[in-house]
């Protein structure tokens, strides 16, 4: 889903970093 909901964006972005194994 494409979203502008900040809480969803935060969860989605942190998930990206965690799964990629990077801090940025």
PDBML (XML) file of the C-alpha atoms, coordinates in Angstrom:
<?xml version="1.0" encoding="UTF-8" ?>
<PDBx:datablock datablockName="MODEL"
   xmlns:PDBx="http://pdbml.pdb.org/schema/pdbx-v50.xsd"
   xmlns:xsi="http://www.w3.org/2001/XMLSchema-instance"
   xsi:schemaLocation="http://pdbml.pdb.org/schema/pdbx-v50.xsd pdbx-v50.xsd">
   <PDBx:atom_siteCategory>
      <PDBx:atom_site id="1">
         <PDBx:B_iso_or_equiv>0.00</PDBx:B_iso_or_equiv>
         <PDBx:Cartn_x>0.000</PDBx:Cartn_x>
         <PDBx:Cartn_y>0.000</PDBx:Cartn_y>
         <PDBx:Cartn_z>0.000</PDBx:Cartn_z>
         <PDBx:auth_asym_id>A</PDBx:auth_asym_id>
         <PDBx:auth_atom_id>CA</PDBx:auth_atom_id>
         <PDBx:auth_comp_id>UNK</PDBx:auth_comp_id>
         <PDBx:auth_seq_id>1</PDBx:auth_seq_id>
         <PDBx:group_PDB>ATOM</PDBx:group_PDB>
         <PDBx:label_alt_id xsi:nil="true" />
         <PDBx:label_asym_id>A</PDBx:label_asym_id>
         <PDBx:label_atom_id>CA</PDBx:label_atom_id>
         <PDBx:label_comp_id>UNK</PDBx:label_comp_id>
         <PDBx:label_entity_id>1</PDBx:label_entity_id>
         <PDBx:label_seq_id>1</PDBx:label_seq_id>
         <PDBx:occupancy>1.00</PDBx:occupancy>
         <PDBx:pdbx_PDB_model_num>1</PDBx:pdbx_PDB_model_num>
         <PDBx:type_symbol>C</PDBx:type_symbol>
      </PDBx:atom_site>
      <PDBx:atom_site id="2">
         <PDBx:B_iso_or_equiv>0.00</PDBx:B_iso_or_equiv>
         <PDBx:Cartn_x>1.138</PDBx:Cartn_x>
         <PDBx:Cartn_y>3.555</PDBx:Cartn_y>
         <PDBx:Cartn_z>-0.671</PDBx:Cartn_z>
         <PDBx:auth_asym_id>A</PDBx:auth_asym_id>
         <PDBx:auth_atom_id>CA</PDBx:auth_atom_id>
         <PDBx:auth_comp_id>UNK</PDBx:auth_comp_id>
         <PDBx:auth_seq_id>2</PDBx:auth_seq_id>
         <PDBx:group_PDB>ATOM</PDBx:group_PDB>
         <PDBx:label_alt_id xsi:nil="true" />
         <PDBx:label_asym_id>A</PDBx:label_asym_id>
         <PDBx:label_atom_id>CA</PDBx:label_atom_id>
         <PDBx:label_comp_id>UNK</PDBx:label_comp_id>
         <PDBx:label_entity_id>1</PDBx:label_entity_id>
         <PDBx:label_seq_id>2</PDBx:label_seq_id>
         <PDBx:occupancy>1.00</PDBx:occupancy>
         <PDBx:pdbx_PDB_model_num>1</PDBx:pdbx_PDB_model_num>
         <PDBx:type_symbol>C</PDBx:type_symbol>
      </PDBx:atom_site>
      <PDBx:atom_site id="3">
         <PDBx:B_iso_or_equiv>0.00</PDBx:B_iso_or_equiv>
         <PDBx:Cartn_x>0.639</PDBx:Cartn_x>
         <PDBx:Cartn_y>5.642</PDBx:Cartn_y>
         <PDBx:Cartn_z>2.467</PDBx:Cartn_z>
         <PDBx:auth_asym_id>A</PDBx:auth_asym_id>
         <PDBx:auth_atom_id>CA</PDBx:auth_atom_id>
         <PDBx:auth_comp_id>UNK</PDBx:auth_comp_id>
         <PDBx:auth_seq_id>3</PDBx:auth_seq_id>
         <PDBx:group_PDB>ATOM</PDBx:group_PDB>
         <PDBx:label_alt_id xsi:nil="true" />
         <PDBx:label_asym_id>A</PDBx:label_asym_id>
         <PDBx:label_atom_id>CA</PDBx:label_atom_id>
         <PDBx:label_comp_id>UNK</PDBx:label_comp_id>
         <PDBx:label_entity_id>1</PDBx:label_entity_id>
         <PDBx:label_seq_id>3</PDBx:label_seq_id>
         <PDBx:occupancy>1.00</PDBx:occupancy>
         <PDBx:pdbx_PDB_model_num>1</PDBx:pdbx_PDB_model_num>
         <PDBx:type_symbol>C</PDBx:type_symbol>
      </PDBx:atom_site>
      <PDBx:atom_site id="4">
         <PDBx:B_iso_or_equiv>0.00</PDBx:B_iso_or_equiv>
         <PDBx:Cartn_x>1.311</PDBx:Cartn_x>
         <PDBx:Cartn_y>9.060</PDBx:Cartn_y>
         <PDBx:Cartn_z>4.019</PDBx:Cartn_z>
         <PDBx:auth_asym_id>A</PDBx:auth_asym_id>
         <PDBx:auth_atom_id>CA</PDBx:auth_atom_id>
         <PDBx:auth_comp_id>UNK</PDBx:auth_comp_id>
         <PDBx:auth_seq_id>4</PDBx:auth_seq_id>
         <PDBx:group_PDB>ATOM</PDBx:group_PDB>
         <PDBx:label_alt_id xsi:nil="true" />
         <PDBx:label_asym_id>A</PDBx:label_asym_id>
         <PDBx:label_atom_id>CA</PDBx:label_atom_id>
         <PDBx:label_comp_id>UNK</PDBx:label_comp_id>
         <PDBx:label_entity_id>1</PDBx:label_entity_id>
         <PDBx:label_seq_id>4</PDBx:label_seq_id>
         <PDBx:occupancy>1.00</PDBx:occupancy>
         <PDBx:pdbx_PDB_model_num>1</PDBx:pdbx_PDB_model_num>
         <PDBx:type_symbol>C</PDBx:type_symbol>
      </PDBx:atom_site>
      <PDBx:atom_site id="5">
         <PDBx:B_iso_or_equiv>0.00</PDBx:B_iso_or_equiv>
         <PDBx:Cartn_x>0.349</PDBx:Cartn_x>
         <PDBx:Cartn_y>7.885</PDBx:Cartn_y>
         <PDBx:Cartn_z>7.496</PDBx:Cartn_z>
         <PDBx:auth_asym_id>A</PDBx:auth_asym_id>
         <PDBx:auth_atom_id>CA</PDBx:auth_atom_id>
         <PDBx:auth_comp_id>UNK</PDBx:auth_comp_id>
         <PDBx:auth_seq_id>5</PDBx:auth_seq_id>
         <PDBx:group_PDB>ATOM</PDBx:group_PDB>
         <PDBx:label_alt_id xsi:nil="true" />
         <PDBx:label_asym_id>A</PDBx:label_asym_id>
         <PDBx:label_atom_id>CA</PDBx:label_atom_id>
         <PDBx:label_comp_id>UNK</PDBx:label_comp_id>
         <PDBx:label_entity_id>1</PDBx:label_entity_id>
         <PDBx:label_seq_id>5</PDBx:label_seq_id>
         <PDBx:occupancy>1.00</PDBx:occupancy>
         <PDBx:pdbx_PDB_model_num>1</PDBx:pdbx_PDB_model_num>
         <PDBx:type_symbol>C</PDBx:type_symbol>
      </PDBx:atom_site>
      <PDBx:atom_site id="6">
         <PDBx:B_iso_or_equiv>0.00</PDBx:B_iso_or_equiv>
         <PDBx:Cartn_x>3.442</PDBx:Cartn_x>
         <PDBx:Cartn_y>8.754</PDBx:Cartn_y>
         <PDBx:Cartn_z>9.524</PDBx:Cartn_z>
         <PDBx:auth_asym_id>A</PDBx:auth_asym_id>
         <PDBx:auth_atom_id>CA</PDBx:auth_atom_id>
         <PDBx:auth_comp_id>UNK</PDBx:auth_comp_id>
         <PDBx:auth_seq_id>6</PDBx:auth_seq_id>
         <PDBx:group_PDB>ATOM</PDBx:group_PDB>
         <PDBx:label_alt_id xsi:nil="true" />
         <PDBx:label_asym_id>A</PDBx:label_asym_id>
         <PDBx:label_atom_id>CA</PDBx:label_atom_id>
         <PDBx:label_comp_id>UNK</PDBx:label_comp_id>
         <PDBx:label_entity_id>1</PDBx:label_entity_id>
         <PDBx:label_seq_id>6</PDBx:label_seq_id>
         <PDBx:occupancy>1.00</PDBx:occupancy>
         <PDBx:pdbx_PDB_model_num>1</PDBx:pdbx_PDB_model_num>
         <PDBx:type_symbol>C</PDBx:type_symbol>
      </PDBx:atom_site>
      <PDBx:atom_site id="7">
         <PDBx:B_iso_or_equiv>0.00</PDBx:B_iso_or_equiv>
         <PDBx:Cartn_x>3.146</PDBx:Cartn_x>
         <PDBx:Cartn_y>5.819</PDBx:Cartn_y>
         <PDBx:Cartn_z>11.942</PDBx:Cartn_z>
         <PDBx:auth_asym_id>A</PDBx:auth_asym_id>
         <PDBx:auth_atom_id>CA</PDBx:auth_atom_id>
         <PDBx:auth_comp_id>UNK</PDBx:auth_comp_id>
         <PDBx:auth_seq_id>7</PDBx:auth_seq_id>
         <PDBx:group_PDB>ATOM</PDBx:group_PDB>
         <PDBx:label_alt_id xsi:nil="true" />
         <PDBx:label_asym_id>A</PDBx:label_asym_id>
         <PDBx:label_atom_id>CA</PDBx:label_atom_id>
         <PDBx:label_comp_id>UNK</PDBx:label_comp_id>
         <PDBx:label_entity_id>1</PDBx:label_entity_id>
         <PDBx:label_seq_id>7</PDBx:label_seq_id>
         <PDBx:occupancy>1.00</PDBx:occupancy>
         <PDBx:pdbx_PDB_model_num>1</PDBx:pdbx_PDB_model_num>
         <PDBx:type_symbol>C</PDBx:type_symbol>
      </PDBx:atom_site>
      <PDBx:atom_site id="8">
         <PDBx:B_iso_or_equiv>0.00</PDBx:B_iso_or_equiv>
         <PDBx:Cartn_x>2.888</PDBx:Cartn_x>
         <PDBx:Cartn_y>3.356</PDBx:Cartn_y>
         <PDBx:Cartn_z>9.061</PDBx:Cartn_z>
         <PDBx:auth_asym_id>A</PDBx:auth_asym_id>
         <PDBx:auth_atom_id>CA</PDBx:auth_atom_id>
         <PDBx:auth_comp_id>UNK</PDBx:auth_comp_id>
         <PDBx:auth_seq_id>8</PDBx:auth_seq_id>
         <PDBx:group_PDB>ATOM</PDBx:group_PDB>
         <PDBx:label_alt_id xsi:nil="true" />
         <PDBx:label_asym_id>A</PDBx:label_asym_id>
         <PDBx:label_atom_id>CA</PDBx:label_atom_id>
         <PDBx:label_comp_id>UNK</PDBx:label_comp_id>
         <PDBx:label_entity_id>1</PDBx:label_entity_id>
         <PDBx:label_seq_id>8</PDBx:label_seq_id>
         <PDBx:occupancy>1.00</PDBx:occupancy>
         <PDBx:pdbx_PDB_model_num>1</PDBx:pdbx_PDB_model_num>
         <PDBx:type_symbol>C</PDBx:type_symbol>
      </PDBx:atom_site>
      <PDBx:atom_site id="9">
         <PDBx:B_iso_or_equiv>0.00</PDBx:B_iso_or_equiv>
         <PDBx:Cartn_x>5.791</PDBx:Cartn_x>
         <PDBx:Cartn_y>5.101</PDBx:Cartn_y>
         <PDBx:Cartn_z>7.334</PDBx:Cartn_z>
         <PDBx:auth_asym_id>A</PDBx:auth_asym_id>
         <PDBx:auth_atom_id>CA</PDBx:auth_atom_id>
         <PDBx:auth_comp_id>UNK</PDBx:auth_comp_id>
         <PDBx:auth_seq_id>9</PDBx:auth_seq_id>
         <PDBx:group_PDB>ATOM</PDBx:group_PDB>
         <PDBx:label_alt_id xsi:nil="true" />
         <PDBx:label_asym_id>A</PDBx:label_asym_id>
         <PDBx:label_atom_id>CA</PDBx:label_atom_id>
         <PDBx:label_comp_id>UNK</PDBx:label_comp_id>
         <PDBx:label_entity_id>1</PDBx:label_entity_id>
         <PDBx:label_seq_id>9</PDBx:label_seq_id>
         <PDBx:occupancy>1.00</PDBx:occupancy>
         <PDBx:pdbx_PDB_model_num>1</PDBx:pdbx_PDB_model_num>
         <PDBx:type_symbol>C</PDBx:type_symbol>
      </PDBx:atom_site>
      <PDBx:atom_site id="10">
         <PDBx:B_iso_or_equiv>0.00</PDBx:B_iso_or_equiv>
         <PDBx:Cartn_x>7.933</PDBx:Cartn_x>
         <PDBx:Cartn_y>4.766</PDBx:Cartn_y>
         <PDBx:Cartn_z>10.468</PDBx:Cartn_z>
         <PDBx:auth_asym_id>A</PDBx:auth_asym_id>
         <PDBx:auth_atom_id>CA</PDBx:auth_atom_id>
         <PDBx:auth_comp_id>UNK</PDBx:auth_comp_id>
         <PDBx:auth_seq_id>10</PDBx:auth_seq_id>
         <PDBx:group_PDB>ATOM</PDBx:group_PDB>
         <PDBx:label_alt_id xsi:nil="true" />
         <PDBx:label_asym_id>A</PDBx:label_asym_id>
         <PDBx:label_atom_id>CA</PDBx:label_atom_id>
         <PDBx:label_comp_id>UNK</PDBx:label_comp_id>
         <PDBx:label_entity_id>1</PDBx:label_entity_id>
         <PDBx:label_seq_id>10</PDBx:label_seq_id>
         <PDBx:occupancy>1.00</PDBx:occupancy>
         <PDBx:pdbx_PDB_model_num>1</PDBx:pdbx_PDB_model_num>
         <PDBx:type_symbol>C</PDBx:type_symbol>
      </PDBx:atom_site>
      <PDBx:atom_site id="11">
         <PDBx:B_iso_or_equiv>0.00</PDBx:B_iso_or_equiv>
         <PDBx:Cartn_x>7.189</PDBx:Cartn_x>
         <PDBx:Cartn_y>1.067</PDBx:Cartn_y>
         <PDBx:Cartn_z>10.831</PDBx:Cartn_z>
         <PDBx:auth_asym_id>A</PDBx:auth_asym_id>
         <PDBx:auth_atom_id>CA</PDBx:auth_atom_id>
         <PDBx:auth_comp_id>UNK</PDBx:auth_comp_id>
         <PDBx:auth_seq_id>11</PDBx:auth_seq_id>
         <PDBx:group_PDB>ATOM</PDBx:group_PDB>
         <PDBx:label_alt_id xsi:nil="true" />
         <PDBx:label_asym_id>A</PDBx:label_asym_id>
         <PDBx:label_atom_id>CA</PDBx:label_atom_id>
         <PDBx:label_comp_id>UNK</PDBx:label_comp_id>
         <PDBx:label_entity_id>1</PDBx:label_entity_id>
         <PDBx:label_seq_id>11</PDBx:label_seq_id>
         <PDBx:occupancy>1.00</PDBx:occupancy>
         <PDBx:pdbx_PDB_model_num>1</PDBx:pdbx_PDB_model_num>
         <PDBx:type_symbol>C</PDBx:type_symbol>
      </PDBx:atom_site>
      <PDBx:atom_site id="12">
         <PDBx:B_iso_or_equiv>0.00</PDBx:B_iso_or_equiv>
         <PDBx:Cartn_x>7.788</PDBx:Cartn_x>
         <PDBx:Cartn_y>0.474</PDBx:Cartn_y>
         <PDBx:Cartn_z>7.126</PDBx:Cartn_z>
         <PDBx:auth_asym_id>A</PDBx:auth_asym_id>
         <PDBx:auth_atom_id>CA</PDBx:auth_atom_id>
         <PDBx:auth_comp_id>UNK</PDBx:auth_comp_id>
         <PDBx:auth_seq_id>12</PDBx:auth_seq_id>
         <PDBx:group_PDB>ATOM</PDBx:group_PDB>
         <PDBx:label_alt_id xsi:nil="true" />
         <PDBx:label_asym_id>A</PDBx:label_asym_id>
         <PDBx:label_atom_id>CA</PDBx:label_atom_id>
         <PDBx:label_comp_id>UNK</PDBx:label_comp_id>
         <PDBx:label_entity_id>1</PDBx:label_entity_id>
         <PDBx:label_seq_id>12</PDBx:label_seq_id>
         <PDBx:occupancy>1.00</PDBx:occupancy>
         <PDBx:pdbx_PDB_model_num>1</PDBx:pdbx_PDB_model_num>
         <PDBx:type_symbol>C</PDBx:type_symbol>
      </PDBx:atom_site>
      <PDBx:atom_site id="13">
         <PDBx:B_iso_or_equiv>0.00</PDBx:B_iso_or_equiv>
         <PDBx:Cartn_x>11.065</PDBx:Cartn_x>
         <PDBx:Cartn_y>2.374</PDBx:Cartn_y>
         <PDBx:Cartn_z>7.021</PDBx:Cartn_z>
         <PDBx:auth_asym_id>A</PDBx:auth_asym_id>
         <PDBx:auth_atom_id>CA</PDBx:auth_atom_id>
         <PDBx:auth_comp_id>UNK</PDBx:auth_comp_id>
         <PDBx:auth_seq_id>13</PDBx:auth_seq_id>
         <PDBx:group_PDB>ATOM</PDBx:group_PDB>
         <PDBx:label_alt_id xsi:nil="true" />
         <PDBx:label_asym_id>A</PDBx:label_asym_id>
         <PDBx:label_atom_id>CA</PDBx:label_atom_id>
         <PDBx:label_comp_id>UNK</PDBx:label_comp_id>
         <PDBx:label_entity_id>1</PDBx:label_entity_id>
         <PDBx:label_seq_id>13</PDBx:label_seq_id>
         <PDBx:occupancy>1.00</PDBx:occupancy>
         <PDBx:pdbx_PDB_model_num>1</PDBx:pdbx_PDB_model_num>
         <PDBx:type_symbol>C</PDBx:type_symbol>
      </PDBx:atom_site>
      <PDBx:atom_site id="14">
         <PDBx:B_iso_or_equiv>0.00</PDBx:B_iso_or_equiv>
         <PDBx:Cartn_x>12.515</PDBx:Cartn_x>
         <PDBx:Cartn_y>0.792</PDBx:Cartn_y>
         <PDBx:Cartn_z>10.155</PDBx:Cartn_z>
         <PDBx:auth_asym_id>A</PDBx:auth_asym_id>
         <PDBx:auth_atom_id>CA</PDBx:auth_atom_id>
         <PDBx:auth_comp_id>UNK</PDBx:auth_comp_id>
         <PDBx:auth_seq_id>14</PDBx:auth_seq_id>
         <PDBx:group_PDB>ATOM</PDBx:group_PDB>
         <PDBx:label_alt_id xsi:nil="true" />
         <PDBx:label_asym_id>A</PDBx:label_asym_id>
         <PDBx:label_atom_id>CA</PDBx:label_atom_id>
         <PDBx:label_comp_id>UNK</PDBx:label_comp_id>
         <PDBx:label_entity_id>1</PDBx:label_entity_id>
         <PDBx:label_seq_id>14</PDBx:label_seq_id>
         <PDBx:occupancy>1.00</PDBx:occupancy>
         <PDBx:pdbx_PDB_model_num>1</PDBx:pdbx_PDB_model_num>
         <PDBx:type_symbol>C</PDBx:type_symbol>
      </PDBx:atom_site>
      <PDBx:atom_site id="15">
         <PDBx:B_iso_or_equiv>0.00</PDBx:B_iso_or_equiv>
         <PDBx:Cartn_x>11.539</PDBx:Cartn_x>
         <PDBx:Cartn_y>-2.580</PDBx:Cartn_y>
         <PDBx:Cartn_z>8.723</PDBx:Cartn_z>
         <PDBx:auth_asym_id>A</PDBx:auth_asym_id>
         <PDBx:auth_atom_id>CA</PDBx:auth_atom_id>
         <PDBx:auth_comp_id>UNK</PDBx:auth_comp_id>
         <PDBx:auth_seq_id>15</PDBx:auth_seq_id>
         <PDBx:group_PDB>ATOM</PDBx:group_PDB>
         <PDBx:label_alt_id xsi:nil="true" />
         <PDBx:label_asym_id>A</PDBx:label_asym_id>
         <PDBx:label_atom_id>CA</PDBx:label_atom_id>
         <PDBx:label_comp_id>UNK</PDBx:label_comp_id>
         <PDBx:label_entity_id>1</PDBx:label_entity_id>
         <PDBx:label_seq_id>15</PDBx:label_seq_id>
         <PDBx:occupancy>1.00</PDBx:occupancy>
         <PDBx:pdbx_PDB_model_num>1</PDBx:pdbx_PDB_model_num>
         <PDBx:type_symbol>C</PDBx:type_symbol>
      </PDBx:atom_site>
      <PDBx:atom_site id="16">
         <PDBx:B_iso_or_equiv>0.00</PDBx:B_iso_or_equiv>
         <PDBx:Cartn_x>13.489</PDBx:Cartn_x>
         <PDBx:Cartn_y>-1.718</PDBx:Cartn_y>
         <PDBx:Cartn_z>5.570</PDBx:Cartn_z>
         <PDBx:auth_asym_id>A</PDBx:auth_asym_id>
         <PDBx:auth_atom_id>CA</PDBx:auth_atom_id>
         <PDBx:auth_comp_id>UNK</PDBx:auth_comp_id>
         <PDBx:auth_seq_id>16</PDBx:auth_seq_id>
         <PDBx:group_PDB>ATOM</PDBx:group_PDB>
         <PDBx:label_alt_id xsi:nil="true" />
         <PDBx:label_asym_id>A</PDBx:label_asym_id>
         <PDBx:label_atom_id>CA</PDBx:label_atom_id>
         <PDBx:label_comp_id>UNK</PDBx:label_comp_id>
         <PDBx:label_entity_id>1</PDBx:label_entity_id>
         <PDBx:label_seq_id>16</PDBx:label_seq_id>
         <PDBx:occupancy>1.00</PDBx:occupancy>
         <PDBx:pdbx_PDB_model_num>1</PDBx:pdbx_PDB_model_num>
         <PDBx:type_symbol>C</PDBx:type_symbol>
      </PDBx:atom_site>
      <PDBx:atom_site id="17">
         <PDBx:B_iso_or_equiv>0.00</PDBx:B_iso_or_equiv>
         <PDBx:Cartn_x>16.642</PDBx:Cartn_x>
         <PDBx:Cartn_y>-0.891</PDBx:Cartn_y>
         <PDBx:Cartn_z>7.531</PDBx:Cartn_z>
         <PDBx:auth_asym_id>A</PDBx:auth_asym_id>
         <PDBx:auth_atom_id>CA</PDBx:auth_atom_id>
         <PDBx:auth_comp_id>UNK</PDBx:auth_comp_id>
         <PDBx:auth_seq_id>17</PDBx:auth_seq_id>
         <PDBx:group_PDB>ATOM</PDBx:group_PDB>
         <PDBx:label_alt_id xsi:nil="true" />
         <PDBx:label_asym_id>A</PDBx:label_asym_id>
         <PDBx:label_atom_id>CA</PDBx:label_atom_id>
         <PDBx:label_comp_id>UNK</PDBx:label_comp_id>
         <PDBx:label_entity_id>1</PDBx:label_entity_id>
         <PDBx:label_seq_id>17</PDBx:label_seq_id>
         <PDBx:occupancy>1.00</PDBx:occupancy>
         <PDBx:pdbx_PDB_model_num>1</PDBx:pdbx_PDB_model_num>
         <PDBx:type_symbol>C</PDBx:type_symbol>
      </PDBx:atom_site>
      <PDBx:atom_site id="18">
         <PDBx:B_iso_or_equiv>0.00</PDBx:B_iso_or_equiv>
         <PDBx:Cartn_x>16.346</PDBx:Cartn_x>
         <PDBx:Cartn_y>-3.974</PDBx:Cartn_y>
         <PDBx:Cartn_z>9.732</PDBx:Cartn_z>
         <PDBx:auth_asym_id>A</PDBx:auth_asym_id>
         <PDBx:auth_atom_id>CA</PDBx:auth_atom_id>
         <PDBx:auth_comp_id>UNK</PDBx:auth_comp_id>
         <PDBx:auth_seq_id>18</PDBx:auth_seq_id>
         <PDBx:group_PDB>ATOM</PDBx:group_PDB>
         <PDBx:label_alt_id xsi:nil="true" />
         <PDBx:label_asym_id>A</PDBx:label_asym_id>
         <PDBx:label_atom_id>CA</PDBx:label_atom_id>
         <PDBx:label_comp_id>UNK</PDBx:label_comp_id>
         <PDBx:label_entity_id>1</PDBx:label_entity_id>
         <PDBx:label_seq_id>18</PDBx:label_seq_id>
         <PDBx:occupancy>1.00</PDBx:occupancy>
         <PDBx:pdbx_PDB_model_num>1</PDBx:pdbx_PDB_model_num>
         <PDBx:type_symbol>C</PDBx:type_symbol>
      </PDBx:atom_site>
      <PDBx:atom_site id="19">
         <PDBx:B_iso_or_equiv>0.00</PDBx:B_iso_or_equiv>
         <PDBx:Cartn_x>15.811</PDBx:Cartn_x>
         <PDBx:Cartn_y>-6.389</PDBx:Cartn_y>
         <PDBx:Cartn_z>6.860</PDBx:Cartn_z>
         <PDBx:auth_asym_id>A</PDBx:auth_asym_id>
         <PDBx:auth_atom_id>CA</PDBx:auth_atom_id>
         <PDBx:auth_comp_id>UNK</PDBx:auth_comp_id>
         <PDBx:auth_seq_id>19</PDBx:auth_seq_id>
         <PDBx:group_PDB>ATOM</PDBx:group_PDB>
         <PDBx:label_alt_id xsi:nil="true" />
         <PDBx:label_asym_id>A</PDBx:label_asym_id>
         <PDBx:label_atom_id>CA</PDBx:label_atom_id>
         <PDBx:label_comp_id>UNK</PDBx:label_comp_id>
         <PDBx:label_entity_id>1</PDBx:label_entity_id>
         <PDBx:label_seq_id>19</PDBx:label_seq_id>
         <PDBx:occupancy>1.00</PDBx:occupancy>
         <PDBx:pdbx_PDB_model_num>1</PDBx:pdbx_PDB_model_num>
         <PDBx:type_symbol>C</PDBx:type_symbol>
      </PDBx:atom_site>
      <PDBx:atom_site id="20">
         <PDBx:B_iso_or_equiv>0.00</PDBx:B_iso_or_equiv>
         <PDBx:Cartn_x>18.641</PDBx:Cartn_x>
         <PDBx:Cartn_y>-4.863</PDBx:Cartn_y>
         <PDBx:Cartn_z>4.840</PDBx:Cartn_z>
         <PDBx:auth_asym_id>A</PDBx:auth_asym_id>
         <PDBx:auth_atom_id>CA</PDBx:auth_atom_id>
         <PDBx:auth_comp_id>UNK</PDBx:auth_comp_id>
         <PDBx:auth_seq_id>20</PDBx:auth_seq_id>
         <PDBx:group_PDB>ATOM</PDBx:group_PDB>
         <PDBx:label_alt_id xsi:nil="true" />
         <PDBx:label_asym_id>A</PDBx:label_asym_id>
         <PDBx:label_atom_id>CA</PDBx:label_atom_id>
         <PDBx:label_comp_id>UNK</PDBx:label_comp_id>
         <PDBx:label_entity_id>1</PDBx:label_entity_id>
         <PDBx:label_seq_id>20</PDBx:label_seq_id>
         <PDBx:occupancy>1.00</PDBx:occupancy>
         <PDBx:pdbx_PDB_model_num>1</PDBx:pdbx_PDB_model_num>
         <PDBx:type_symbol>C</PDBx:type_symbol>
      </PDBx:atom_site>
      <PDBx:atom_site id="21">
         <PDBx:B_iso_or_equiv>0.00</PDBx:B_iso_or_equiv>
         <PDBx:Cartn_x>20.936</PDBx:Cartn_x>
         <PDBx:Cartn_y>-5.096</PDBx:Cartn_y>
         <PDBx:Cartn_z>7.871</PDBx:Cartn_z>
         <PDBx:auth_asym_id>A</PDBx:auth_asym_id>
         <PDBx:auth_atom_id>CA</PDBx:auth_atom_id>
         <PDBx:auth_comp_id>UNK</PDBx:auth_comp_id>
         <PDBx:auth_seq_id>21</PDBx:auth_seq_id>
         <PDBx:group_PDB>ATOM</PDBx:group_PDB>
         <PDBx:label_alt_id xsi:nil="true" />
         <PDBx:label_asym_id>A</PDBx:label_asym_id>
         <PDBx:label_atom_id>CA</PDBx:label_atom_id>
         <PDBx:label_comp_id>UNK</PDBx:label_comp_id>
         <PDBx:label_entity_id>1</PDBx:label_entity_id>
         <PDBx:label_seq_id>21</PDBx:label_seq_id>
         <PDBx:occupancy>1.00</PDBx:occupancy>
         <PDBx:pdbx_PDB_model_num>1</PDBx:pdbx_PDB_model_num>
         <PDBx:type_symbol>C</PDBx:type_symbol>
      </PDBx:atom_site>
      <PDBx:atom_site id="22">
         <PDBx:B_iso_or_equiv>0.00</PDBx:B_iso_or_equiv>
         <PDBx:Cartn_x>21.946</PDBx:Cartn_x>
         <PDBx:Cartn_y>-1.449</PDBx:Cartn_y>
         <PDBx:Cartn_z>7.700</PDBx:Cartn_z>
         <PDBx:auth_asym_id>A</PDBx:auth_asym_id>
         <PDBx:auth_atom_id>CA</PDBx:auth_atom_id>
         <PDBx:auth_comp_id>UNK</PDBx:auth_comp_id>
         <PDBx:auth_seq_id>22</PDBx:auth_seq_id>
         <PDBx:group_PDB>ATOM</PDBx:group_PDB>
         <PDBx:label_alt_id xsi:nil="true" />
         <PDBx:label_asym_id>A</PDBx:label_asym_id>
         <PDBx:label_atom_id>CA</PDBx:label_atom_id>
         <PDBx:label_comp_id>UNK</PDBx:label_comp_id>
         <PDBx:label_entity_id>1</PDBx:label_entity_id>
         <PDBx:label_seq_id>22</PDBx:label_seq_id>
         <PDBx:occupancy>1.00</PDBx:occupancy>
         <PDBx:pdbx_PDB_model_num>1</PDBx:pdbx_PDB_model_num>
         <PDBx:type_symbol>C</PDBx:type_symbol>
      </PDBx:atom_site>
      <PDBx:atom_site id="23">
         <PDBx:B_iso_or_equiv>0.00</PDBx:B_iso_or_equiv>
         <PDBx:Cartn_x>21.529</PDBx:Cartn_x>
         <PDBx:Cartn_y>1.687</PDBx:Cartn_y>
         <PDBx:Cartn_z>9.809</PDBx:Cartn_z>
         <PDBx:auth_asym_id>A</PDBx:auth_asym_id>
         <PDBx:auth_atom_id>CA</PDBx:auth_atom_id>
         <PDBx:auth_comp_id>UNK</PDBx:auth_comp_id>
         <PDBx:auth_seq_id>23</PDBx:auth_seq_id>
         <PDBx:group_PDB>ATOM</PDBx:group_PDB>
         <PDBx:label_alt_id xsi:nil="true" />
         <PDBx:label_asym_id>A</PDBx:label_asym_id>
         <PDBx:label_atom_id>CA</PDBx:label_atom_id>
         <PDBx:label_comp_id>UNK</PDBx:label_comp_id>
         <PDBx:label_entity_id>1</PDBx:label_entity_id>
         <PDBx:label_seq_id>23</PDBx:label_seq_id>
         <PDBx:occupancy>1.00</PDBx:occupancy>
         <PDBx:pdbx_PDB_model_num>1</PDBx:pdbx_PDB_model_num>
         <PDBx:type_symbol>C</PDBx:type_symbol>
      </PDBx:atom_site>
      <PDBx:atom_site id="24">
         <PDBx:B_iso_or_equiv>0.00</PDBx:B_iso_or_equiv>
         <PDBx:Cartn_x>21.003</PDBx:Cartn_x>
         <PDBx:Cartn_y>4.027</PDBx:Cartn_y>
         <PDBx:Cartn_z>6.854</PDBx:Cartn_z>
         <PDBx:auth_asym_id>A</PDBx:auth_asym_id>
         <PDBx:auth_atom_id>CA</PDBx:auth_atom_id>
         <PDBx:auth_comp_id>UNK</PDBx:auth_comp_id>
         <PDBx:auth_seq_id>24</PDBx:auth_seq_id>
         <PDBx:group_PDB>ATOM</PDBx:group_PDB>
         <PDBx:label_alt_id xsi:nil="true" />
         <PDBx:label_asym_id>A</PDBx:label_asym_id>
         <PDBx:label_atom_id>CA</PDBx:label_atom_id>
         <PDBx:label_comp_id>UNK</PDBx:label_comp_id>
         <PDBx:label_entity_id>1</PDBx:label_entity_id>
         <PDBx:label_seq_id>24</PDBx:label_seq_id>
         <PDBx:occupancy>1.00</PDBx:occupancy>
         <PDBx:pdbx_PDB_model_num>1</PDBx:pdbx_PDB_model_num>
         <PDBx:type_symbol>C</PDBx:type_symbol>
      </PDBx:atom_site>
   </PDBx:atom_siteCategory>
</PDBx:datablock>
